[in-house]
Amino acid sequence: MIKSLRKEYFQKSKAFLYPLLNIPRGSPYTPKDTYIAWTEDVYPADKKFLCAYELHANEDFYKFENKHLLGNDMFDNFHLLEDNTGLFVFNYSRFSEDYQKFLLSKYSTMSPETKEIILDFFKSNNKNLSSIHHINSYLYPKMYYGVYADLLGVEKELLMEVVELCPPIDIDKETLKVKKLLDL
């Protein structure tokens, strides 16, 4: 059950786009950060999803990288960044409509299939039930208007007019602002 609201910004791309890569939750390697744009000529309209991973020189990481990153059927490109970080770029054009809804912060209007992938990701191997409830409330806000109205001290009808319970994406915070060292 939701007992409090998230006060700080959280990376919306990590919550709504990362699960679409079908990398199992609980994998030993997770991205340092995720983005939808890059000052090095990647724009939100390009329908790209960028994952910055710390690169490891061990066999387990190589297996993970080959299977889930380089071997992902949406893999598009790789760039070496500073501090031993690899930027893996994925093409999300197969999720074109849902990606557009994401950009508009209309999470509740995403397709049922995409919502199911996202929820399944958060349900798997999750000890923090609060995050599951929050994600569910963003995807299916009608079920949570009363809860949020109580937490915010507003009328339920006001939230019904707004529709979305998740704050909109902040393009600036979803944009990577480092230079690439090397294209591979």
N, C-alpha and C. Protein backbone atom coordinates (compact mmCIF):
# COMPACT_ATOMS: atom_id res chain seq x y z
N MET A 1 0.84 -1.18 0.00
CA MET A 1 0.00 0.00 0.00
C MET A 1 0.89 1.25 0.00
N ILE A 2 0.42 2.29 -0.61
CA ILE A 2 1.17 3.54 -0.70
C ILE A 2 0.88 4.37 0.55
N LYS A 3 1.95 4.69 1.28
CA LYS A 3 1.79 5.47 2.50
C LYS A 3 2.43 6.85 2.41
N SER A 4 3.26 7.04 1.37
CA SER A 4 3.89 8.34 1.17
C SER A 4 4.18 8.53 -0.32
N LEU A 5 4.40 9.77 -0.69
CA LEU A 5 4.69 10.10 -2.07
C LEU A 5 6.18 10.26 -2.26
N ARG A 6 6.66 9.97 -3.44
CA ARG A 6 8.08 10.19 -3.74
C ARG A 6 8.30 11.69 -3.84
N LYS A 7 9.30 12.16 -3.13
CA LYS A 7 9.54 13.60 -3.10
C LYS A 7 10.63 14.02 -4.09
N GLU A 8 11.62 13.15 -4.31
CA GLU A 8 12.69 13.51 -5.23
C GLU A 8 12.38 12.96 -6.62
N TYR A 9 13.06 13.58 -7.58
CA TYR A 9 12.92 13.10 -8.96
C TYR A 9 13.55 11.72 -9.06
N PHE A 10 12.91 10.82 -9.75
CA PHE A 10 13.51 9.53 -10.06
C PHE A 10 13.57 9.40 -11.57
N GLN A 11 14.57 8.66 -12.04
CA GLN A 11 14.81 8.51 -13.47
C GLN A 11 13.64 7.74 -14.09
N LYS A 12 12.78 8.44 -14.80
CA LYS A 12 11.60 7.83 -15.40
C LYS A 12 11.98 6.79 -16.46
N SER A 13 13.07 7.05 -17.18
CA SER A 13 13.50 6.08 -18.19
C SER A 13 13.88 4.75 -17.54
N LYS A 14 14.45 4.79 -16.36
CA LYS A 14 14.83 3.55 -15.68
C LYS A 14 13.58 2.78 -15.24
N ALA A 15 12.55 3.49 -14.83
CA ALA A 15 11.33 2.84 -14.35
C ALA A 15 10.45 2.33 -15.49
N PHE A 16 10.33 3.10 -16.57
CA PHE A 16 9.36 2.77 -17.61
C PHE A 16 9.96 2.18 -18.89
N LEU A 17 11.23 2.44 -19.15
CA LEU A 17 11.85 1.94 -20.39
C LEU A 17 12.81 0.77 -20.16
N TYR A 18 13.56 0.81 -19.08
CA TYR A 18 14.53 -0.27 -18.82
C TYR A 18 13.87 -1.65 -18.79
N PRO A 19 12.70 -1.82 -18.16
CA PRO A 19 12.08 -3.15 -18.15
C PRO A 19 11.82 -3.72 -19.54
N LEU A 20 11.69 -2.87 -20.55
CA LEU A 20 11.40 -3.34 -21.91
C LEU A 20 12.59 -4.03 -22.57
N LEU A 21 13.76 -3.93 -21.95
CA LEU A 21 14.94 -4.64 -22.46
C LEU A 21 14.89 -6.13 -22.12
N ASN A 22 13.99 -6.51 -21.25
CA ASN A 22 13.85 -7.90 -20.81
C ASN A 22 15.11 -8.44 -20.13
N ILE A 23 15.80 -7.59 -19.41
CA ILE A 23 16.91 -8.02 -18.58
C ILE A 23 16.30 -8.37 -17.23
N PRO A 24 16.53 -9.59 -16.75
CA PRO A 24 15.88 -9.98 -15.50
C PRO A 24 16.26 -9.06 -14.33
N ARG A 25 15.24 -8.70 -13.56
CA ARG A 25 15.49 -7.91 -12.34
C ARG A 25 16.32 -8.77 -11.41
N GLY A 26 17.26 -8.15 -10.74
CA GLY A 26 18.14 -8.89 -9.86
C GLY A 26 19.41 -9.34 -10.56
N SER A 27 19.58 -8.96 -11.83
CA SER A 27 20.83 -9.28 -12.53
C SER A 27 21.98 -8.66 -11.76
N PRO A 28 23.15 -9.29 -11.81
CA PRO A 28 24.27 -8.75 -11.04
C PRO A 28 24.78 -7.40 -11.54
N TYR A 29 24.40 -7.03 -12.76
CA TYR A 29 24.87 -5.76 -13.32
C TYR A 29 23.65 -4.91 -13.69
N THR A 30 23.64 -3.70 -13.18
CA THR A 30 22.56 -2.77 -13.49
C THR A 30 23.19 -1.46 -13.98
N PRO A 31 22.46 -0.72 -14.77
CA PRO A 31 23.04 0.53 -15.28
C PRO A 31 23.25 1.54 -14.16
N LYS A 32 24.34 2.29 -14.31
CA LYS A 32 24.59 3.41 -13.39
C LYS A 32 23.48 4.43 -13.54
N ASP A 33 23.10 4.67 -14.77
CA ASP A 33 22.02 5.61 -15.10
C ASP A 33 21.46 5.26 -16.46
N THR A 34 20.27 5.80 -16.73
CA THR A 34 19.63 5.62 -18.03
C THR A 34 19.18 6.98 -18.54
N TYR A 35 19.05 7.08 -19.86
CA TYR A 35 18.73 8.36 -20.50
C TYR A 35 17.90 8.13 -21.76
N ILE A 36 17.30 9.22 -22.23
CA ILE A 36 16.58 9.18 -23.51
C ILE A 36 17.17 10.16 -24.51
N ALA A 37 18.18 10.90 -24.08
CA ALA A 37 18.83 11.86 -24.98
C ALA A 37 20.29 12.00 -24.55
N TRP A 38 21.09 12.59 -25.46
CA TRP A 38 22.51 12.79 -25.20
C TRP A 38 22.94 14.03 -25.97
N THR A 39 23.72 14.84 -25.32
CA THR A 39 24.19 16.06 -25.97
C THR A 39 25.07 15.76 -27.18
N GLU A 40 25.46 14.51 -27.36
CA GLU A 40 26.25 14.08 -28.52
C GLU A 40 25.32 13.61 -29.65
N ASP A 41 24.27 14.34 -29.92
CA ASP A 41 23.38 14.09 -31.06
C ASP A 41 22.41 12.92 -30.94
N VAL A 42 21.88 12.68 -29.76
CA VAL A 42 20.75 11.76 -29.60
C VAL A 42 19.63 12.58 -28.97
N TYR A 43 18.48 12.58 -29.63
CA TYR A 43 17.35 13.41 -29.21
C TYR A 43 16.19 12.52 -28.80
N PRO A 44 15.31 13.00 -27.92
CA PRO A 44 14.16 12.19 -27.51
C PRO A 44 13.36 11.63 -28.69
N ALA A 45 13.21 12.40 -29.74
CA ALA A 45 12.43 11.96 -30.89
C ALA A 45 13.09 10.79 -31.64
N ASP A 46 14.36 10.50 -31.35
CA ASP A 46 15.06 9.40 -32.01
C ASP A 46 14.60 8.03 -31.52
N LYS A 47 13.84 8.00 -30.44
CA LYS A 47 13.34 6.76 -29.83
C LYS A 47 14.49 5.82 -29.43
N LYS A 48 15.49 6.42 -28.82
CA LYS A 48 16.63 5.65 -28.32
C LYS A 48 16.55 5.58 -26.80
N PHE A 49 17.11 4.54 -26.26
CA PHE A 49 17.21 4.36 -24.83
C PHE A 49 18.68 4.09 -24.53
N LEU A 50 19.26 4.86 -23.63
CA LEU A 50 20.69 4.79 -23.36
C LEU A 50 20.93 4.30 -21.94
N CYS A 51 21.78 3.30 -21.82
CA CYS A 51 22.14 2.73 -20.51
C CYS A 51 23.64 2.88 -20.30
N ALA A 52 24.01 3.54 -19.23
CA ALA A 52 25.42 3.70 -18.88
C ALA A 52 25.79 2.63 -17.85
N TYR A 53 26.69 1.74 -18.23
CA TYR A 53 27.13 0.65 -17.36
C TYR A 53 28.60 0.83 -17.01
N GLU A 54 28.94 0.54 -15.77
CA GLU A 54 30.34 0.41 -15.41
C GLU A 54 30.84 -0.87 -16.06
N LEU A 55 31.96 -0.77 -16.77
CA LEU A 55 32.51 -1.93 -17.47
C LEU A 55 33.40 -2.72 -16.52
N HIS A 56 33.26 -4.02 -16.55
CA HIS A 56 34.04 -4.91 -15.69
C HIS A 56 34.85 -5.86 -16.56
N ALA A 57 36.06 -6.12 -16.13
CA ALA A 57 36.94 -7.03 -16.89
C ALA A 57 36.90 -8.41 -16.25
N ASN A 58 35.73 -9.03 -16.32
CA ASN A 58 35.62 -10.39 -15.81
C ASN A 58 34.65 -11.19 -16.69
N GLU A 59 34.75 -12.49 -16.60
CA GLU A 59 33.96 -13.35 -17.48
C GLU A 59 32.46 -13.21 -17.24
N ASP A 60 32.04 -13.02 -15.99
CA ASP A 60 30.61 -12.87 -15.71
C ASP A 60 30.04 -11.64 -16.41
N PHE A 61 30.78 -10.52 -16.37
CA PHE A 61 30.27 -9.33 -17.05
C PHE A 61 30.24 -9.54 -18.56
N TYR A 62 31.28 -10.18 -19.10
CA TYR A 62 31.30 -10.43 -20.55
C TYR A 62 30.09 -11.26 -20.98
N LYS A 63 29.75 -12.25 -20.19
CA LYS A 63 28.57 -13.07 -20.50
C LYS A 63 27.30 -12.23 -20.45
N PHE A 64 27.18 -11.43 -19.38
CA PHE A 64 26.02 -10.56 -19.25
C PHE A 64 25.94 -9.58 -20.42
N GLU A 65 27.06 -8.96 -20.73
CA GLU A 65 27.12 -7.98 -21.81
C GLU A 65 26.74 -8.61 -23.16
N ASN A 66 27.29 -9.78 -23.44
CA ASN A 66 27.01 -10.45 -24.72
C ASN A 66 25.56 -10.90 -24.82
N LYS A 67 24.99 -11.37 -23.74
CA LYS A 67 23.63 -11.88 -23.77
C LYS A 67 22.59 -10.75 -23.73
N HIS A 68 22.73 -9.84 -22.78
CA HIS A 68 21.65 -8.87 -22.51
C HIS A 68 21.85 -7.50 -23.14
N LEU A 69 23.07 -7.14 -23.45
CA LEU A 69 23.33 -5.80 -24.00
C LEU A 69 23.64 -5.90 -25.48
N LEU A 70 24.83 -6.37 -25.82
CA LEU A 70 25.21 -6.49 -27.23
C LEU A 70 24.31 -7.49 -27.97
N GLY A 71 23.84 -8.51 -27.27
CA GLY A 71 23.00 -9.53 -27.88
C GLY A 71 21.51 -9.19 -27.87
N ASN A 72 21.16 -8.06 -27.30
CA ASN A 72 19.76 -7.65 -27.27
C ASN A 72 19.32 -7.27 -28.68
N ASP A 73 18.16 -7.71 -29.10
CA ASP A 73 17.74 -7.42 -30.48
C ASP A 73 17.42 -5.94 -30.71
N MET A 74 17.41 -5.15 -29.66
CA MET A 74 17.22 -3.70 -29.83
C MET A 74 18.54 -2.93 -29.73
N PHE A 75 19.66 -3.66 -29.51
CA PHE A 75 20.96 -2.99 -29.42
C PHE A 75 21.24 -2.23 -30.71
N ASP A 76 21.72 -1.01 -30.54
CA ASP A 76 21.96 -0.13 -31.69
C ASP A 76 23.42 0.31 -31.79
N ASN A 77 24.03 0.65 -30.65
CA ASN A 77 25.37 1.23 -30.71
C ASN A 77 26.02 1.18 -29.33
N PHE A 78 27.33 1.34 -29.32
CA PHE A 78 28.10 1.39 -28.08
C PHE A 78 29.08 2.55 -28.16
N HIS A 79 29.25 3.24 -27.04
CA HIS A 79 30.23 4.33 -26.94
C HIS A 79 30.98 4.18 -25.62
N LEU A 80 32.27 4.36 -25.68
CA LEU A 80 33.08 4.37 -24.47
C LEU A 80 33.08 5.78 -23.90
N LEU A 81 32.74 5.89 -22.61
CA LEU A 81 32.73 7.18 -21.92
C LEU A 81 33.87 7.19 -20.90
N GLU A 82 33.99 8.29 -20.21
CA GLU A 82 35.04 8.40 -19.19
C GLU A 82 34.74 7.47 -18.02
N ASP A 83 35.71 7.31 -17.16
CA ASP A 83 35.59 6.52 -15.93
C ASP A 83 35.16 5.08 -16.17
N ASN A 84 35.66 4.47 -17.24
CA ASN A 84 35.38 3.07 -17.54
C ASN A 84 33.87 2.79 -17.62
N THR A 85 33.16 3.71 -18.23
CA THR A 85 31.72 3.56 -18.42
C THR A 85 31.43 3.30 -19.88
N GLY A 86 30.57 2.32 -20.11
CA GLY A 86 30.14 2.02 -21.46
C GLY A 86 28.70 2.47 -21.64
N LEU A 87 28.44 3.13 -22.74
CA LEU A 87 27.08 3.58 -23.05
C LEU A 87 26.51 2.67 -24.12
N PHE A 88 25.50 1.92 -23.74
CA PHE A 88 24.82 1.01 -24.64
C PHE A 88 23.54 1.70 -25.10
N VAL A 89 23.39 1.82 -26.41
CA VAL A 89 22.25 2.53 -27.00
C VAL A 89 21.32 1.50 -27.64
N PHE A 90 20.05 1.61 -27.33
CA PHE A 90 19.04 0.69 -27.84
C PHE A 90 18.01 1.45 -28.65
N ASN A 91 17.55 0.83 -29.72
CA ASN A 91 16.55 1.41 -30.59
C ASN A 91 15.17 0.94 -30.12
N TYR A 92 14.33 1.89 -29.71
CA TYR A 92 13.00 1.56 -29.17
C TYR A 92 11.89 1.82 -30.19
N SER A 93 12.22 1.80 -31.46
CA SER A 93 11.19 2.08 -32.46
C SER A 93 10.08 1.04 -32.46
N ARG A 94 10.35 -0.18 -31.99
CA ARG A 94 9.29 -1.19 -31.92
C ARG A 94 8.25 -0.81 -30.87
N PHE A 95 8.63 0.05 -29.93
CA PHE A 95 7.71 0.55 -28.91
C PHE A 95 7.33 2.00 -29.22
N SER A 96 7.28 2.33 -30.49
CA SER A 96 7.10 3.71 -30.93
C SER A 96 5.95 4.45 -30.23
N GLU A 97 4.77 3.85 -30.22
CA GLU A 97 3.62 4.53 -29.62
C GLU A 97 3.79 4.69 -28.12
N ASP A 98 4.24 3.64 -27.45
CA ASP A 98 4.45 3.74 -26.00
C ASP A 98 5.60 4.68 -25.66
N TYR A 99 6.61 4.72 -26.49
CA TYR A 99 7.72 5.65 -26.27
C TYR A 99 7.20 7.09 -26.35
N GLN A 100 6.34 7.36 -27.32
CA GLN A 100 5.76 8.70 -27.46
C GLN A 100 4.91 9.04 -26.23
N LYS A 101 4.16 8.08 -25.75
CA LYS A 101 3.35 8.30 -24.54
C LYS A 101 4.26 8.57 -23.35
N PHE A 102 5.39 7.86 -23.29
CA PHE A 102 6.37 8.10 -22.24
C PHE A 102 6.88 9.54 -22.31
N LEU A 103 7.25 9.99 -23.51
CA LEU A 103 7.75 11.36 -23.68
C LEU A 103 6.72 12.40 -23.24
N LEU A 104 5.46 12.09 -23.44
CA LEU A 104 4.38 13.00 -23.04
C LEU A 104 3.99 12.83 -21.58
N SER A 105 4.66 11.91 -20.89
CA SER A 105 4.37 11.59 -19.48
C SER A 105 2.94 11.08 -19.31
N LYS A 106 2.46 10.35 -20.28
CA LYS A 106 1.12 9.75 -20.26
C LYS A 106 1.28 8.24 -20.00
N TYR A 107 1.85 7.91 -18.86
CA TYR A 107 2.18 6.53 -18.54
C TYR A 107 0.95 5.64 -18.51
N SER A 108 -0.17 6.17 -18.05
CA SER A 108 -1.39 5.36 -17.92
C SER A 108 -1.99 4.99 -19.27
N THR A 109 -1.55 5.64 -20.33
CA THR A 109 -2.10 5.34 -21.66
C THR A 109 -1.22 4.37 -22.46
N MET A 110 -0.15 3.90 -21.85
CA MET A 110 0.70 2.92 -22.53
C MET A 110 -0.11 1.65 -22.80
N SER A 111 0.32 0.86 -23.76
CA SER A 111 -0.41 -0.34 -24.14
C SER A 111 -0.44 -1.34 -22.97
N PRO A 112 -1.48 -2.16 -22.93
CA PRO A 112 -1.56 -3.18 -21.87
C PRO A 112 -0.35 -4.11 -21.87
N GLU A 113 0.18 -4.43 -23.04
CA GLU A 113 1.35 -5.32 -23.12
C GLU A 113 2.57 -4.68 -22.48
N THR A 114 2.79 -3.41 -22.76
CA THR A 114 3.93 -2.70 -22.19
C THR A 114 3.77 -2.55 -20.68
N LYS A 115 2.57 -2.22 -20.24
CA LYS A 115 2.32 -2.11 -18.80
C LYS A 115 2.62 -3.43 -18.10
N GLU A 116 2.22 -4.53 -18.72
CA GLU A 116 2.44 -5.84 -18.12
C GLU A 116 3.93 -6.15 -18.00
N ILE A 117 4.71 -5.82 -19.03
CA ILE A 117 6.16 -6.03 -18.97
C ILE A 117 6.76 -5.24 -17.81
N ILE A 118 6.35 -3.99 -17.68
CA ILE A 118 6.88 -3.12 -16.63
C ILE A 118 6.51 -3.68 -15.25
N LEU A 119 5.24 -4.02 -15.06
CA LEU A 119 4.81 -4.55 -13.77
C LEU A 119 5.48 -5.89 -13.45
N ASP A 120 5.60 -6.76 -14.42
CA ASP A 120 6.27 -8.04 -14.20
C ASP A 120 7.72 -7.83 -13.75
N PHE A 121 8.37 -6.84 -14.35
CA PHE A 121 9.75 -6.53 -13.97
C PHE A 121 9.82 -6.14 -12.50
N PHE A 122 8.92 -5.28 -12.06
CA PHE A 122 8.97 -4.82 -10.67
C PHE A 122 8.48 -5.86 -9.69
N LYS A 123 7.63 -6.75 -10.13
CA LYS A 123 7.14 -7.82 -9.25
C LYS A 123 8.21 -8.88 -9.01
N SER A 124 9.06 -9.09 -10.00
CA SER A 124 10.07 -10.14 -9.89
C SER A 124 11.20 -9.73 -8.96
N ASN A 125 11.49 -10.61 -8.02
CA ASN A 125 12.64 -10.42 -7.13
C ASN A 125 12.64 -9.06 -6.45
N ASN A 126 11.48 -8.61 -5.99
CA ASN A 126 11.42 -7.28 -5.36
C ASN A 126 11.03 -7.41 -3.90
N LYS A 127 11.90 -6.93 -3.05
CA LYS A 127 11.62 -6.92 -1.62
C LYS A 127 10.92 -5.63 -1.20
N ASN A 128 10.91 -4.64 -2.08
CA ASN A 128 10.30 -3.35 -1.77
C ASN A 128 8.93 -3.26 -2.43
N LEU A 129 7.90 -3.67 -1.69
CA LEU A 129 6.55 -3.66 -2.24
C LEU A 129 6.06 -2.25 -2.54
N SER A 130 6.62 -1.27 -1.87
CA SER A 130 6.22 0.12 -2.10
C SER A 130 6.46 0.52 -3.55
N SER A 131 7.60 0.10 -4.12
CA SER A 131 7.88 0.49 -5.50
C SER A 131 6.90 -0.16 -6.47
N ILE A 132 6.47 -1.39 -6.18
CA ILE A 132 5.49 -2.05 -7.03
C ILE A 132 4.18 -1.26 -7.01
N HIS A 133 3.75 -0.86 -5.82
CA HIS A 133 2.50 -0.10 -5.69
C HIS A 133 2.61 1.25 -6.38
N HIS A 134 3.77 1.92 -6.24
CA HIS A 134 3.94 3.20 -6.92
C HIS A 134 3.85 3.04 -8.43
N ILE A 135 4.58 2.07 -8.97
CA ILE A 135 4.56 1.85 -10.42
C ILE A 135 3.14 1.50 -10.87
N ASN A 136 2.47 0.64 -10.11
CA ASN A 136 1.10 0.28 -10.46
C ASN A 136 0.19 1.51 -10.47
N SER A 137 0.40 2.41 -9.51
CA SER A 137 -0.43 3.62 -9.44
C SER A 137 -0.16 4.55 -10.63
N TYR A 138 1.05 4.53 -11.16
CA TYR A 138 1.36 5.36 -12.32
C TYR A 138 0.75 4.79 -13.60
N LEU A 139 0.71 3.47 -13.68
CA LEU A 139 0.17 2.82 -14.87
C LEU A 139 -1.36 2.71 -14.83
N TYR A 140 -1.90 2.58 -13.63
CA TYR A 140 -3.36 2.43 -13.45
C TYR A 140 -3.85 3.43 -12.39
N PRO A 141 -3.81 4.72 -12.68
CA PRO A 141 -4.11 5.73 -11.67
C PRO A 141 -5.54 5.69 -11.13
N LYS A 142 -6.51 5.24 -11.91
CA LYS A 142 -7.90 5.26 -11.46
C LYS A 142 -8.08 4.52 -10.15
N MET A 143 -7.29 3.49 -9.94
CA MET A 143 -7.39 2.69 -8.71
C MET A 143 -6.80 3.42 -7.50
N TYR A 144 -6.09 4.52 -7.72
CA TYR A 144 -5.35 5.15 -6.64
C TYR A 144 -5.71 6.61 -6.37
N TYR A 145 -6.69 7.16 -7.07
CA TYR A 145 -7.02 8.57 -6.89
C TYR A 145 -7.36 8.88 -5.43
N GLY A 146 -8.10 8.02 -4.78
CA GLY A 146 -8.47 8.26 -3.38
C GLY A 146 -7.26 8.29 -2.46
N VAL A 147 -6.34 7.36 -2.66
CA VAL A 147 -5.12 7.29 -1.84
C VAL A 147 -4.30 8.57 -2.01
N TYR A 148 -4.07 8.96 -3.26
CA TYR A 148 -3.27 10.15 -3.53
C TYR A 148 -3.97 11.42 -3.06
N ALA A 149 -5.29 11.47 -3.20
CA ALA A 149 -6.05 12.64 -2.73
C ALA A 149 -5.85 12.81 -1.23
N ASP A 150 -5.90 11.72 -0.49
CA ASP A 150 -5.68 11.78 0.96
C ASP A 150 -4.26 12.24 1.28
N LEU A 151 -3.27 11.67 0.59
CA LEU A 151 -1.87 12.03 0.85
C LEU A 151 -1.57 13.48 0.48
N LEU A 152 -2.22 13.98 -0.56
CA LEU A 152 -1.97 15.35 -1.01
C LEU A 152 -2.91 16.38 -0.37
N GLY A 153 -3.96 15.90 0.26
CA GLY A 153 -4.92 16.81 0.87
C GLY A 153 -5.72 17.58 -0.17
N VAL A 154 -6.09 16.90 -1.26
CA VAL A 154 -6.88 17.54 -2.32
C VAL A 154 -8.10 16.68 -2.60
N GLU A 155 -9.01 17.22 -3.37
CA GLU A 155 -10.20 16.47 -3.77
C GLU A 155 -9.83 15.42 -4.82
N LYS A 156 -10.44 14.28 -4.71
CA LYS A 156 -10.22 13.18 -5.65
C LYS A 156 -10.53 13.63 -7.09
N GLU A 157 -11.55 14.44 -7.26
CA GLU A 157 -11.95 14.90 -8.58
C GLU A 157 -10.86 15.70 -9.28
N LEU A 158 -10.07 16.43 -8.50
CA LEU A 158 -8.96 17.20 -9.07
C LEU A 158 -7.96 16.25 -9.72
N LEU A 159 -7.63 15.16 -9.03
CA LEU A 159 -6.68 14.19 -9.58
C LEU A 159 -7.28 13.48 -10.80
N MET A 160 -8.56 13.27 -10.79
CA MET A 160 -9.21 12.63 -11.93
C MET A 160 -9.12 13.53 -13.16
N GLU A 161 -9.13 14.82 -12.97
CA GLU A 161 -8.97 15.76 -14.10
C GLU A 161 -7.54 15.72 -14.63
N VAL A 162 -6.58 15.64 -13.72
CA VAL A 162 -5.17 15.61 -14.10
C VAL A 162 -4.84 14.27 -14.77
N VAL A 163 -5.43 13.21 -14.34
CA VAL A 163 -5.29 11.83 -14.80
C VAL A 163 -4.02 11.17 -14.27
N GLU A 164 -2.85 11.65 -14.67
CA GLU A 164 -1.59 11.00 -14.31
C GLU A 164 -1.20 11.30 -12.86
N LEU A 165 -0.70 10.28 -12.17
CA LEU A 165 -0.24 10.43 -10.79
C LEU A 165 1.28 10.52 -10.70
N CYS A 166 1.97 10.16 -11.75
CA CYS A 166 3.43 10.21 -11.77
C CYS A 166 3.86 11.56 -12.34
N PRO A 167 4.78 12.23 -11.67
CA PRO A 167 5.27 13.49 -12.21
C PRO A 167 5.86 13.31 -13.61
N PRO A 168 5.81 14.34 -14.43
CA PRO A 168 6.32 14.23 -15.79
C PRO A 168 7.84 14.05 -15.83
N ILE A 169 8.30 13.55 -16.97
CA ILE A 169 9.74 13.40 -17.14
C ILE A 169 10.38 14.79 -17.20
N ASP A 170 11.60 14.86 -16.77
CA ASP A 170 12.40 16.08 -16.86
C ASP A 170 13.46 15.80 -17.92
N ILE A 171 13.28 16.34 -19.10
CA ILE A 171 14.18 16.06 -20.22
C ILE A 171 15.63 16.36 -19.85
N ASP A 172 15.85 17.42 -19.11
CA ASP A 172 17.21 17.78 -18.72
C ASP A 172 17.85 16.66 -17.89
N LYS A 173 17.10 16.10 -16.96
CA LYS A 173 17.64 15.03 -16.11
C LYS A 173 17.71 13.69 -16.84
N GLU A 174 17.01 13.58 -17.95
CA GLU A 174 17.01 12.36 -18.75
C GLU A 174 17.97 12.48 -19.94
N THR A 175 18.82 13.52 -19.91
CA THR A 175 19.79 13.76 -20.98
C THR A 175 21.21 13.58 -20.45
N LEU A 176 21.97 12.73 -21.11
CA LEU A 176 23.37 12.51 -20.77
C LEU A 176 24.19 13.69 -21.29
N LYS A 177 25.09 14.20 -20.42
CA LYS A 177 25.84 15.41 -20.80
C LYS A 177 27.34 15.20 -20.70
N VAL A 178 27.83 14.06 -21.14
CA VAL A 178 29.27 13.83 -21.17
C VAL A 178 29.70 13.58 -22.61
N LYS A 179 30.95 13.80 -22.87
CA LYS A 179 31.51 13.57 -24.21
C LYS A 179 31.89 12.10 -24.35
N LYS A 180 31.78 11.60 -25.55
CA LYS A 180 32.22 10.23 -25.80
C LYS A 180 33.72 10.23 -26.03
N LEU A 181 34.33 9.14 -25.59
CA LEU A 181 35.76 8.97 -25.82
C LEU A 181 36.02 8.20 -27.09
N LEU A 182 35.13 7.21 -27.37
CA LEU A 182 35.40 6.31 -28.46
C LEU A 182 34.13 5.62 -28.92
N ASP A 183 33.95 5.50 -30.21
CA ASP A 183 32.86 4.70 -30.78
C ASP A 183 33.46 3.34 -31.14
N LEU A 184 32.73 2.30 -30.86
CA LEU A 184 33.21 0.96 -31.22
C LEU A 184 32.25 0.31 -32.18
